[in-house]
Amino acid sequence: MLIPHFRAVLVERVFTECGVVHIVARTFDGPASCPACELPSNRVHSCYQRRLADSPVGGQPVLIELTVRQLYCDSDLCGRRTFVKQGAGLTFRYGRRTPASRHVLAVVAVALAGRAGARLVAALQTRVSRTTLLRAIMAVPDPVWTVPRVLGVDDFATRRGHHYGTVLIDCESGRPLDLLPGRNASTLAGWLREHPGAEIICRDRAGSYADGARTGAPNAVQVADRFHLWQNLGTAVEASVRLHIKCLKAAFTSPDGPASDGGDSNATKSMSPIEARIRERHATIHALLAQGHGIREIARELHMGGNTVRRNARASVPEQLLTGRRQPRASQLDPYKPHLDKLWAEGQTNAIQLHAELQNLGYRGSYQIISDYLRPRRRRRIRVVPPAPPGIRRVTGWMMRHPENLADGERRQFAAILAHCPELKALHAHVRGFAEILQSRSGQYLKDWITATRTADLPRLHTFATGLEKDWDAVLQGLSTRWNSGPVEGRVNHIKMIKRQMFGRAKLPLLRKRVLLTAAANR
């Protein structure tokens, strides 16, 4: 009951040595059938001992020392002269682990290949190397599948910009079927010839997949993905906006406004953070006292000490609390500050001239005192400049997004651009028309949209319409049916995740095996 795979052998002894559980066993006597011709035989050739690793028991590794018999095959027509009687569920040919232990290693290897998987199985009291786990993955047979009715095709990068592959999935179930090297037409066509039966093929706008599907499955209906259609339109829109970049600058051109100091005459000195905090705390405490709250209640409410609240309550003005070395000292400039503020407000900002004028009024201080007093005002002066026009990519994004998804500021800027440039206004109208066809999947109106586009002075949009006509059947299917390449894009993200787990160093056979097996395990 506890160890069912030992039913096929006779256990003679069980003992523990050096933290390892040893199980000594042997196969039963009696005839055994040849695995090739299935003829029973009872003639013993020899006996030898096999050492098998099993799943750990009680946190201890298990080692099976199994004595097996090698028998003669009595059939003259059989190619085997001798064979070994295997224990059902316990041994297999050339195996050094039991099927149960091998299954655990395979499951761990599929989830975490390499060193991470080796560390995990080490915690399970099974010490193997990362190459053993990789061999365990490659030994697992591929999941069994049937040719789908709706096939999804897309490319993925094994090394971005250099090497690519092709992923094939069942669009109805989202299950990956195969990963192929390269992304050319011949690769896809060869796979389709070997696996006939696909009725619908969902693909992107790449010409190689279109040619491969046409060659390998001429009777299948091709469907161009709607996302890639919208992406191609975005490229055409960006090129059209780039041709009218002068309209963007002209729509936002305005004369420079007058300089402003950004503050009133009361902000003559910069307030330190400590002073601002003291003034705010003093005002809050006196407001609560005016409402009839007590000292203790205010201290609990504001999370302050009682003495702090009392000190603020006794001070009638915050200046009584502003003590210490951070307080401004009396200056020779104090009697002349009102006159200096008046001259600054009238536009006299030259410190040398202000110093000379104050000297005529009796000021005996230095020029540096006046310069330090005016420095915060000079920092607050901001030159008013017209807003920078939005970039090409930003205007393209506004044009491709639904108007309801624009913020108020974006909507105002976009309206100003469209009002200033009739060509961009016409372009926006055509984009919204195509978006309505794509969203409602009303491909029957696509011909009318292309005809209306031809009448507008938008050459980049004409190029996009010509591309639609060259791939007309697939585009019409993509804008009329519910099939798309969304499941394929999701599987590409799955491939990227597995690549990152293996630090991008996995070759295509290992990557293919892990993608297929992980997808089958998650079903």
Protein backbone atom coordinates (compact mmCIF):
# COMPACT_ATOMS: atom_id res chain seq x y z
CA MET A 1 0.00 0.00 0.00
CA LEU A 2 2.73 2.50 0.93
CA ILE A 3 5.28 1.54 -1.75
CA PRO A 4 3.28 -0.13 -4.55
CA HIS A 5 6.16 -0.28 -7.06
CA PHE A 6 7.88 -2.93 -4.86
CA ARG A 7 5.21 -5.52 -5.67
CA ALA A 8 7.28 -6.90 -8.56
CA VAL A 9 10.33 -7.69 -6.39
CA LEU A 10 11.13 -9.50 -3.16
CA VAL A 11 12.49 -7.16 -0.47
CA GLU A 12 15.12 -8.99 1.60
CA ARG A 13 16.53 -6.27 3.83
CA VAL A 14 16.09 -2.60 4.77
CA PHE A 15 18.69 -0.66 6.75
CA THR A 16 20.04 2.87 7.19
CA GLU A 17 23.68 3.75 6.68
CA CYS A 18 25.22 7.24 6.68
CA GLY A 19 21.82 8.88 6.44
CA VAL A 20 20.79 6.80 3.39
CA VAL A 21 18.00 4.22 3.41
CA HIS A 22 19.23 1.02 1.68
CA ILE A 23 16.68 -1.46 0.33
CA VAL A 24 18.07 -4.85 -0.73
CA ALA A 25 15.75 -6.74 -3.08
CA ARG A 26 15.72 -9.21 -5.95
CA THR A 27 13.34 -10.17 -8.73
CA PHE A 28 11.08 -13.21 -8.36
CA ASP A 29 12.06 -16.56 -9.81
CA GLY A 30 10.03 -18.04 -12.64
CA PRO A 31 9.62 -17.60 -16.39
CA ALA A 32 9.74 -14.19 -18.03
CA SER A 33 8.70 -13.03 -21.51
CA CYS A 34 11.21 -11.70 -24.01
CA PRO A 35 10.46 -8.00 -24.72
CA ALA A 36 11.12 -8.53 -28.44
CA CYS A 37 9.26 -11.75 -29.34
CA GLU A 38 7.22 -12.13 -26.10
CA LEU A 39 8.21 -15.83 -25.87
CA PRO A 40 8.51 -17.00 -22.22
CA SER A 41 11.82 -18.32 -21.03
CA ASN A 42 13.11 -19.84 -17.79
CA ARG A 43 16.78 -20.41 -18.67
CA VAL A 44 19.00 -18.19 -16.55
CA HIS A 45 22.10 -16.75 -18.14
CA SER A 46 23.46 -14.84 -15.11
CA CYS A 47 22.57 -12.48 -12.26
CA TYR A 48 23.89 -9.03 -11.44
CA GLN A 49 23.07 -6.16 -9.11
CA ARG A 50 21.59 -2.80 -10.09
CA ARG A 51 21.65 0.33 -7.94
CA LEU A 52 18.59 2.55 -8.32
CA ALA A 53 17.82 5.90 -6.68
CA ASP A 54 14.25 6.24 -5.41
CA SER A 55 12.14 9.04 -3.95
CA PRO A 56 13.26 10.05 -0.43
CA VAL A 57 11.49 8.59 2.62
CA GLY A 58 11.31 10.50 5.90
CA GLY A 59 13.66 13.18 4.60
CA GLN A 60 16.33 10.59 3.76
CA PRO A 61 17.51 9.53 0.30
CA VAL A 62 16.68 5.96 -0.76
CA LEU A 63 19.03 3.60 -2.61
CA ILE A 64 17.71 0.30 -3.99
CA GLU A 65 20.20 -2.56 -4.44
CA LEU A 66 18.28 -4.84 -6.79
CA THR A 67 19.50 -8.24 -7.99
CA VAL A 68 18.08 -9.06 -11.44
CA ARG A 69 18.26 -12.16 -13.63
CA GLN A 70 19.45 -12.27 -17.22
CA LEU A 71 17.62 -14.96 -19.23
CA TYR A 72 18.13 -16.65 -22.59
CA CYS A 73 15.64 -16.19 -25.40
CA ASP A 74 14.87 -19.64 -26.88
CA SER A 75 13.40 -18.34 -30.14
CA ASP A 76 15.65 -18.78 -33.16
CA LEU A 77 13.78 -16.02 -35.02
CA CYS A 78 14.32 -13.39 -32.31
CA GLY A 79 17.16 -10.92 -32.65
CA ARG A 80 17.83 -10.99 -28.92
CA ARG A 81 19.98 -13.71 -27.41
CA THR A 82 19.51 -12.63 -23.79
CA PHE A 83 17.23 -10.25 -21.93
CA VAL A 84 16.73 -8.97 -18.37
CA LYS A 85 13.53 -9.35 -16.44
CA GLN A 86 12.43 -5.84 -15.45
CA GLY A 87 10.45 -5.00 -12.33
CA ALA A 88 7.13 -3.48 -13.34
CA GLY A 89 6.93 0.10 -12.08
CA LEU A 90 10.41 -0.12 -10.57
CA THR A 91 12.97 -0.50 -13.35
CA PHE A 92 13.35 0.16 -17.04
CA ARG A 93 16.16 -0.48 -19.46
CA TYR A 94 19.40 1.38 -18.61
CA GLY A 95 17.55 3.28 -15.90
CA ARG A 96 19.42 4.41 -12.79
CA ARG A 97 16.34 5.86 -11.11
CA THR A 98 12.88 4.53 -10.44
CA PRO A 99 10.05 5.92 -12.61
CA ALA A 100 8.66 7.77 -9.56
CA SER A 101 11.96 9.54 -8.91
CA ARG A 102 12.40 10.23 -12.60
CA HIS A 103 8.93 11.80 -12.77
CA VAL A 104 9.72 14.15 -9.86
CA LEU A 105 12.93 15.28 -11.54
CA ALA A 106 11.10 15.87 -14.82
CA VAL A 107 8.40 17.98 -13.14
CA VAL A 108 10.98 20.09 -11.29
CA ALA A 109 13.09 20.45 -14.43
CA VAL A 110 10.13 21.68 -16.47
CA ALA A 111 9.26 24.28 -13.84
CA LEU A 112 12.84 25.30 -12.95
CA ALA A 113 15.61 24.19 -15.23
CA GLY A 114 19.29 24.57 -14.50
CA ARG A 115 20.83 25.47 -11.15
CA ALA A 116 17.56 26.67 -9.61
CA GLY A 117 15.98 23.26 -10.18
CA ALA A 118 19.09 21.53 -8.83
CA ARG A 119 18.84 23.57 -5.61
CA LEU A 120 15.16 22.66 -5.26
CA VAL A 121 15.66 18.91 -5.65
CA ALA A 122 18.59 19.12 -3.22
CA ALA A 123 16.12 20.40 -0.63
CA LEU A 124 14.05 17.29 -1.47
CA GLN A 125 17.04 15.07 -0.54
CA THR A 126 17.86 14.29 -4.17
CA ARG A 127 21.21 15.56 -5.35
CA VAL A 128 21.57 15.90 -9.10
CA SER A 129 23.43 18.28 -11.39
CA ARG A 130 21.79 20.81 -13.66
CA THR A 131 22.77 18.80 -16.73
CA THR A 132 20.88 15.82 -15.30
CA LEU A 133 17.77 17.97 -15.07
CA LEU A 134 18.23 19.16 -18.64
CA ARG A 135 18.49 15.55 -19.80
CA ALA A 136 15.35 14.75 -17.80
CA ILE A 137 13.48 17.49 -19.69
CA MET A 138 14.64 16.31 -23.10
CA ALA A 139 13.66 12.71 -22.24
CA VAL A 140 10.02 13.66 -21.61
CA PRO A 141 7.94 12.98 -24.74
CA ASP A 142 6.12 15.87 -26.41
CA PRO A 143 2.45 16.35 -25.53
CA VAL A 144 0.07 14.68 -27.97
CA TRP A 145 -2.13 17.02 -30.00
CA THR A 146 -4.27 17.01 -33.11
CA VAL A 147 -4.07 19.49 -35.95
CA PRO A 148 -6.27 22.45 -34.92
CA ARG A 149 -9.02 23.99 -36.98
CA VAL A 150 -7.76 27.53 -36.26
CA LEU A 151 -3.97 27.88 -36.34
CA GLY A 152 -2.11 30.91 -34.96
CA VAL A 153 1.32 31.89 -36.32
CA ASP A 154 3.75 34.53 -35.05
CA ASP A 155 7.46 35.10 -34.64
CA PHE A 156 9.57 35.43 -31.49
CA ALA A 157 13.17 36.41 -30.90
CA THR A 158 15.73 33.96 -29.60
CA ARG A 159 18.23 36.84 -29.85
CA ARG A 160 16.58 40.13 -30.63
CA GLY A 161 17.71 41.61 -33.90
CA HIS A 162 19.68 38.52 -34.90
CA HIS A 163 17.85 35.19 -34.56
CA TYR A 164 14.12 34.53 -34.67
CA GLY A 165 11.77 31.57 -34.51
CA THR A 166 8.13 30.79 -35.27
CA VAL A 167 5.53 29.71 -32.72
CA LEU A 168 2.39 27.80 -33.75
CA ILE A 169 -0.61 27.52 -31.44
CA ASP A 170 -4.19 26.35 -31.41
CA CYS A 171 -6.16 29.61 -31.33
CA GLU A 172 -9.28 27.93 -29.93
CA SER A 173 -7.52 26.51 -26.85
CA GLY A 174 -4.39 28.71 -26.73
CA ARG A 175 -2.21 25.60 -26.58
CA PRO A 176 1.25 25.78 -28.21
CA LEU A 177 1.88 23.16 -30.86
CA ASP A 178 5.44 23.69 -32.03
CA LEU A 179 8.39 26.10 -32.16
CA LEU A 180 10.22 26.29 -35.48
CA PRO A 181 13.64 27.75 -36.31
CA GLY A 182 13.51 30.88 -38.45
CA ARG A 183 10.54 32.88 -39.66
CA ASN A 184 10.64 32.43 -43.40
CA ALA A 185 7.93 31.12 -45.69
CA SER A 186 9.55 27.75 -46.39
CA THR A 187 9.66 26.80 -42.69
CA LEU A 188 5.94 27.43 -42.22
CA ALA A 189 5.02 25.82 -45.54
CA GLY A 190 6.94 22.65 -44.67
CA TRP A 191 5.21 22.34 -41.30
CA LEU A 192 1.78 22.82 -42.87
CA ARG A 193 2.49 20.09 -45.44
CA GLU A 194 3.50 17.67 -42.66
CA HIS A 195 0.40 18.55 -40.58
CA PRO A 196 -2.49 19.15 -43.02
CA GLY A 197 -5.96 20.04 -41.79
CA ALA A 198 -5.87 23.69 -40.64
CA GLU A 199 -8.91 25.58 -41.93
CA ILE A 200 -8.10 29.10 -40.64
CA ILE A 201 -4.63 30.63 -40.17
CA CYS A 202 -4.27 33.77 -38.04
CA ARG A 203 -1.12 35.73 -38.81
CA ASP A 204 0.37 39.21 -38.76
CA ARG A 205 0.99 41.39 -41.82
CA ALA A 206 4.39 39.83 -42.57
CA GLY A 207 4.62 38.72 -46.16
CA SER A 208 6.68 35.62 -45.34
CA TYR A 209 3.89 34.03 -43.29
CA ALA A 210 1.33 34.92 -45.96
CA ASP A 211 3.40 33.19 -48.64
CA GLY A 212 4.12 30.21 -46.39
CA ALA A 213 0.45 29.72 -45.52
CA ARG A 214 -0.52 30.08 -49.17
CA THR A 215 2.04 27.48 -50.21
CA GLY A 216 1.60 24.96 -47.41
CA ALA A 217 -2.19 25.20 -46.98
CA PRO A 218 -3.71 26.71 -50.13
CA ASN A 219 -7.26 25.90 -49.03
CA ALA A 220 -6.96 27.55 -45.60
CA VAL A 221 -8.51 30.97 -44.94
CA GLN A 222 -5.94 33.54 -43.83
CA VAL A 223 -6.86 36.16 -41.22
CA ALA A 224 -4.80 39.34 -40.78
CA ASP A 225 -4.59 40.39 -37.15
CA ARG A 226 -6.51 43.57 -36.24
CA PHE A 227 -3.82 44.81 -33.86
CA HIS A 228 -1.22 44.71 -36.62
CA LEU A 229 -3.62 46.53 -38.96
CA TRP A 230 -4.00 49.28 -36.36
CA GLN A 231 -0.23 49.31 -35.86
CA ASN A 232 0.34 49.73 -39.60
CA LEU A 233 -2.16 52.59 -39.63
CA GLY A 234 -0.28 54.23 -36.75
CA THR A 235 2.93 54.10 -38.79
CA ALA A 236 1.17 55.80 -41.72
CA VAL A 237 -0.34 58.43 -39.40
CA GLU A 238 3.04 59.24 -37.87
CA ALA A 239 4.56 59.69 -41.33
CA SER A 240 1.65 61.99 -42.30
CA VAL A 241 2.04 64.10 -39.15
CA ARG A 242 5.76 64.41 -39.86
CA LEU A 243 4.94 66.02 -43.22
CA HIS A 244 2.93 68.74 -41.43
CA ILE A 245 5.32 69.49 -38.58
CA LYS A 246 5.22 73.20 -39.48
CA CYS A 247 1.52 73.23 -38.59
CA LEU A 248 2.36 72.06 -35.08
CA LYS A 249 4.81 74.90 -34.56
CA ALA A 250 2.51 77.51 -36.08
CA ALA A 251 -0.44 76.42 -33.91
CA PHE A 252 1.49 77.09 -30.71
CA THR A 253 3.47 80.20 -31.69
CA SER A 254 2.83 83.22 -29.42
CA PRO A 255 4.90 86.33 -28.59
CA ASP A 256 7.02 86.31 -25.47
CA GLY A 257 5.22 87.75 -22.50
CA PRO A 258 6.72 90.27 -20.05
CA ALA A 259 9.02 89.10 -17.35
CA SER A 260 7.46 88.49 -13.99
CA ASP A 261 9.01 88.18 -10.59
CA GLY A 262 6.44 85.56 -9.64
CA GLY A 263 5.56 87.05 -6.26
CA ASP A 264 4.23 90.08 -4.43
CA SER A 265 6.06 92.67 -2.37
CA ASN A 266 5.30 90.85 0.85
CA ALA A 267 7.53 87.92 -0.12
CA THR A 268 10.68 89.95 0.38
CA LYS A 269 12.50 87.25 2.20
CA SER A 270 12.56 83.50 1.84
CA MET A 271 10.91 81.65 4.71
CA SER A 272 12.79 78.67 6.10
CA PRO A 273 10.95 75.34 6.46
CA ILE A 274 11.26 75.54 10.26
CA GLU A 275 9.65 79.00 10.35
CA ALA A 276 6.85 77.89 8.06
CA ARG A 277 6.17 74.86 10.25
CA ILE A 278 6.11 76.99 13.44
CA ARG A 279 3.71 79.51 11.93
CA GLU A 280 1.40 76.77 10.64
CA ARG A 281 1.40 74.95 14.00
CA HIS A 282 0.70 78.22 15.89
CA ALA A 283 -2.26 79.00 13.64
CA THR A 284 -3.71 75.47 13.98
CA ILE A 285 -3.47 75.44 17.79
CA HIS A 286 -5.08 78.88 18.18
CA ALA A 287 -7.86 77.87 15.78
CA LEU A 288 -8.65 74.84 17.95
CA LEU A 289 -8.49 76.93 21.12
CA ALA A 290 -10.97 79.35 19.60
CA GLN A 291 -13.35 76.43 19.03
CA GLY A 292 -13.27 75.60 22.76
CA HIS A 293 -10.91 72.60 22.77
CA GLY A 294 -8.63 72.01 25.75
CA ILE A 295 -4.84 71.68 25.88
CA ARG A 296 -4.87 67.91 26.40
CA GLU A 297 -7.46 67.33 23.70
CA ILE A 298 -5.42 69.38 21.20
CA ALA A 299 -2.25 67.46 22.15
CA ARG A 300 -3.97 64.11 21.50
CA GLU A 301 -5.49 65.31 18.25
CA LEU A 302 -2.25 66.76 16.82
CA HIS A 303 0.03 64.09 18.36
CA MET A 304 2.08 66.74 20.18
CA GLY A 305 3.44 67.11 23.69
CA GLY A 306 1.38 69.05 26.18
CA ASN A 307 4.19 71.56 26.85
CA THR A 308 4.47 72.31 23.10
CA VAL A 309 0.74 73.06 22.92
CA ARG A 310 0.91 75.28 26.03
CA ARG A 311 3.90 77.23 24.68
CA ASN A 312 2.03 77.92 21.44
CA ALA A 313 -1.13 78.86 23.35
CA ARG A 314 0.71 81.46 25.46
CA ALA A 315 2.26 83.10 22.39
CA SER A 316 -0.17 85.63 20.94
CA VAL A 317 1.81 85.91 17.70
CA PRO A 318 4.14 83.37 16.06
CA GLU A 319 7.06 85.80 16.24
CA GLN A 320 7.25 85.11 19.98
CA LEU A 321 8.13 81.50 19.12
CA LEU A 322 10.69 82.40 16.47
CA THR A 323 13.79 82.57 18.61
CA GLY A 324 17.32 81.37 18.01
CA ARG A 325 20.17 82.01 15.64
CA ARG A 326 18.02 81.59 12.53
CA GLN A 327 16.22 84.90 13.25
CA PRO A 328 17.20 87.79 10.97
CA ARG A 329 19.31 90.41 12.67
CA ALA A 330 18.81 94.14 12.50
CA SER A 331 20.37 95.61 9.39
CA GLN A 332 21.35 99.09 8.20
CA LEU A 333 19.01 98.49 5.29
CA ASP A 334 15.85 98.11 7.40
CA PRO A 335 14.81 101.81 7.28
CA TYR A 336 15.27 101.86 3.51
CA LYS A 337 13.50 98.59 2.63
CA PRO A 338 10.06 100.17 1.91
CA HIS A 339 11.67 102.64 -0.51
CA LEU A 340 13.73 99.83 -2.06
CA ASP A 341 10.59 97.69 -2.55
CA LYS A 342 8.90 100.63 -4.25
CA LEU A 343 11.80 101.14 -6.67
CA TRP A 344 11.86 97.40 -7.49
CA ALA A 345 8.12 97.44 -8.20
CA GLU A 346 8.64 100.37 -10.59
CA GLY A 347 11.10 98.29 -12.57
CA GLN A 348 14.45 99.50 -11.23
CA THR A 349 16.36 96.23 -10.74
CA ASN A 350 19.99 97.34 -11.13
CA ALA A 351 21.59 96.90 -7.71
CA ILE A 352 24.39 99.41 -8.45
CA GLN A 353 21.91 102.16 -9.29
CA LEU A 354 19.76 101.28 -6.27
CA HIS A 355 22.83 101.44 -4.04
CA ALA A 356 23.74 104.90 -5.36
CA GLU A 357 20.22 106.21 -4.85
CA LEU A 358 19.99 104.89 -1.29
CA GLN A 359 23.33 106.53 -0.52
CA ASN A 360 21.82 109.87 -1.52
CA LEU A 361 19.11 109.20 1.08
CA GLY A 362 21.67 108.59 3.82
CA TYR A 363 22.35 104.83 3.51
CA ARG A 364 25.89 104.00 4.73
CA GLY A 365 25.85 100.24 4.24
CA SER A 366 27.62 98.20 1.57
CA TYR A 367 26.45 97.17 -1.86
CA GLN A 368 26.54 93.46 -0.85
CA ILE A 369 23.71 93.96 1.68
CA ILE A 370 21.43 95.29 -1.08
CA SER A 371 22.48 92.47 -3.42
CA ASP A 372 21.71 89.78 -0.79
CA TYR A 373 18.33 91.38 -0.11
CA LEU A 374 17.40 91.33 -3.82
CA ARG A 375 18.76 87.84 -4.60
CA PRO A 376 15.51 85.92 -3.78
CA ARG A 377 13.59 88.28 -6.07
CA ARG A 378 15.99 87.68 -8.94
CA ARG A 379 15.63 83.90 -8.55
CA ARG A 380 11.84 84.19 -8.69
CA ARG A 381 11.84 86.12 -11.92
CA ILE A 382 10.71 83.74 -14.69
CA ARG A 383 10.76 84.61 -18.32
CA VAL A 384 7.41 83.87 -19.88
CA VAL A 385 7.91 81.75 -23.00
CA PRO A 386 5.30 80.21 -25.27
CA PRO A 387 4.50 76.54 -24.68
CA ALA A 388 6.56 74.14 -26.72
CA PRO A 389 4.59 72.45 -29.49
CA PRO A 390 3.84 68.77 -28.91
CA GLY A 391 6.06 66.27 -30.66
CA ILE A 392 5.18 64.09 -33.61
CA ARG A 393 4.79 60.94 -31.52
CA ARG A 394 2.51 62.71 -29.05
CA VAL A 395 0.23 64.08 -31.76
CA THR A 396 0.15 60.64 -33.36
CA GLY A 397 -0.89 59.16 -30.02
CA TRP A 398 -3.68 61.72 -29.67
CA MET A 399 -4.90 60.89 -33.15
CA MET A 400 -4.86 57.13 -32.57
CA ARG A 401 -6.61 57.28 -29.19
CA HIS A 402 -10.33 57.64 -28.66
CA PRO A 403 -11.25 61.31 -28.03
CA GLU A 404 -12.91 60.39 -24.75
CA ASN A 405 -9.60 59.04 -23.43
CA LEU A 406 -7.79 62.38 -23.81
CA ALA A 407 -7.26 64.66 -20.84
CA ASP A 408 -8.71 68.17 -20.92
CA GLY A 409 -5.36 69.79 -21.64
CA GLU A 410 -4.57 67.27 -24.39
CA ARG A 411 -8.00 67.75 -25.91
CA ARG A 412 -7.53 71.55 -26.08
CA GLN A 413 -4.09 71.28 -27.68
CA PHE A 414 -5.29 68.68 -30.16
CA ALA A 415 -8.28 70.84 -31.11
CA ALA A 416 -5.95 73.81 -31.72
CA ILE A 417 -3.79 71.69 -34.03
CA LEU A 418 -6.75 70.37 -36.01
CA ALA A 419 -8.21 73.88 -36.34
CA HIS A 420 -4.92 75.20 -37.72
CA CYS A 421 -4.19 72.31 -40.15
CA PRO A 422 -7.01 71.07 -42.44
CA GLU A 423 -4.91 68.12 -43.64
CA LEU A 424 -4.48 66.76 -40.11
CA LYS A 425 -8.19 67.31 -39.46
CA ALA A 426 -9.02 65.19 -42.52
CA LEU A 427 -6.48 62.59 -41.40
CA HIS A 428 -8.12 62.37 -37.98
CA ALA A 429 -11.53 61.85 -39.57
CA HIS A 430 -10.20 58.94 -41.64
CA VAL A 431 -8.50 57.40 -38.59
CA ARG A 432 -11.75 57.51 -36.60
CA GLY A 433 -13.57 55.92 -39.55
CA PHE A 434 -11.12 53.03 -39.70
CA ALA A 435 -11.32 52.64 -35.92
CA GLU A 436 -15.09 52.29 -36.16
CA ILE A 437 -14.75 49.59 -38.83
CA LEU A 438 -12.14 47.74 -36.75
CA GLN A 439 -14.03 47.98 -33.46
CA SER A 440 -17.40 46.90 -34.86
CA ARG A 441 -15.80 44.34 -37.23
CA SER A 442 -17.77 45.78 -40.14
CA GLY A 443 -15.36 44.91 -42.92
CA GLN A 444 -18.06 45.45 -45.56
CA TYR A 445 -17.45 49.21 -45.28
CA LEU A 446 -13.70 48.95 -45.86
CA LYS A 447 -14.00 49.52 -49.61
CA ASP A 448 -15.91 52.75 -49.04
CA TRP A 449 -13.27 53.88 -46.54
CA ILE A 450 -10.46 53.26 -49.05
CA THR A 451 -12.39 55.15 -51.75
CA ALA A 452 -12.83 58.15 -49.42
CA THR A 453 -9.16 58.00 -48.50
CA ARG A 454 -8.09 58.20 -52.13
CA THR A 455 -9.80 61.59 -52.51
CA ALA A 456 -7.80 63.19 -49.65
CA ASP A 457 -4.36 64.74 -50.09
CA LEU A 458 -2.72 62.24 -47.73
CA PRO A 459 -0.05 60.26 -49.62
CA ARG A 460 1.05 58.19 -46.61
CA LEU A 461 -2.52 57.07 -46.04
CA HIS A 462 -2.73 56.14 -49.73
CA THR A 463 0.25 53.84 -49.21
CA PHE A 464 -1.51 52.19 -46.27
CA ALA A 465 -4.66 51.67 -48.36
CA THR A 466 -2.58 50.11 -51.17
CA GLY A 467 -1.13 47.65 -48.67
CA LEU A 468 -4.63 46.68 -47.57
CA GLU A 469 -5.66 45.99 -51.15
CA LYS A 470 -2.64 43.74 -51.74
CA ASP A 471 -3.68 41.58 -48.76
CA TRP A 472 -7.39 42.13 -49.28
CA ASP A 473 -8.84 38.70 -48.42
CA ALA A 474 -6.91 38.34 -45.16
CA VAL A 475 -7.64 41.94 -44.14
CA LEU A 476 -11.34 41.52 -44.84
CA GLN A 477 -11.41 38.36 -42.73
CA GLY A 478 -9.59 40.13 -39.92
CA LEU A 479 -12.13 42.99 -39.93
CA SER A 480 -15.16 40.69 -40.20
CA THR A 481 -14.52 37.61 -38.03
CA ARG A 482 -13.68 37.15 -34.36
CA TRP A 483 -10.38 35.38 -34.97
CA ASN A 484 -7.16 37.26 -34.23
CA SER A 485 -3.58 36.73 -33.09
CA GLY A 486 -4.19 37.71 -29.47
CA PRO A 487 -3.63 34.16 -28.11
CA VAL A 488 -0.39 33.94 -30.10
CA GLU A 489 0.90 37.20 -28.60
CA GLY A 490 0.13 35.84 -25.14
CA ARG A 491 2.13 32.70 -25.90
CA VAL A 492 5.05 34.87 -27.08
CA ASN A 493 5.05 36.50 -23.64
CA HIS A 494 5.19 33.00 -22.14
CA ILE A 495 8.23 32.24 -24.29
CA LYS A 496 9.92 35.44 -23.11
CA MET A 497 9.30 34.48 -19.48
CA ILE A 498 10.91 31.05 -19.95
CA LYS A 499 13.85 32.63 -21.77
CA ARG A 500 14.45 34.97 -18.82
CA GLN A 501 14.34 32.03 -16.42
CA MET A 502 17.21 30.49 -18.35
CA PHE A 503 19.00 33.85 -18.70
CA GLY A 504 18.45 33.82 -22.48
CA ARG A 505 20.97 31.02 -22.98
CA ALA A 506 18.61 28.18 -23.95
CA LYS A 507 18.87 26.76 -27.44
CA LEU A 508 15.70 26.24 -29.44
CA PRO A 509 15.26 22.48 -28.65
CA LEU A 510 15.30 23.08 -24.88
CA LEU A 511 13.16 26.22 -25.19
CA ARG A 512 10.65 24.32 -27.32
CA LYS A 513 10.47 21.44 -24.86
CA ARG A 514 9.88 23.71 -21.85
CA VAL A 515 7.24 25.80 -23.63
CA LEU A 516 5.25 22.74 -24.69
CA LEU A 517 5.53 20.95 -21.35
CA THR A 518 4.76 23.96 -19.14
CA ALA A 519 1.70 24.76 -21.22
CA ALA A 520 0.52 21.14 -20.95
CA ALA A 521 1.11 21.14 -17.17
CA ASN A 522 -1.01 24.29 -16.71
CA ARG A 523 -4.03 22.87 -18.50
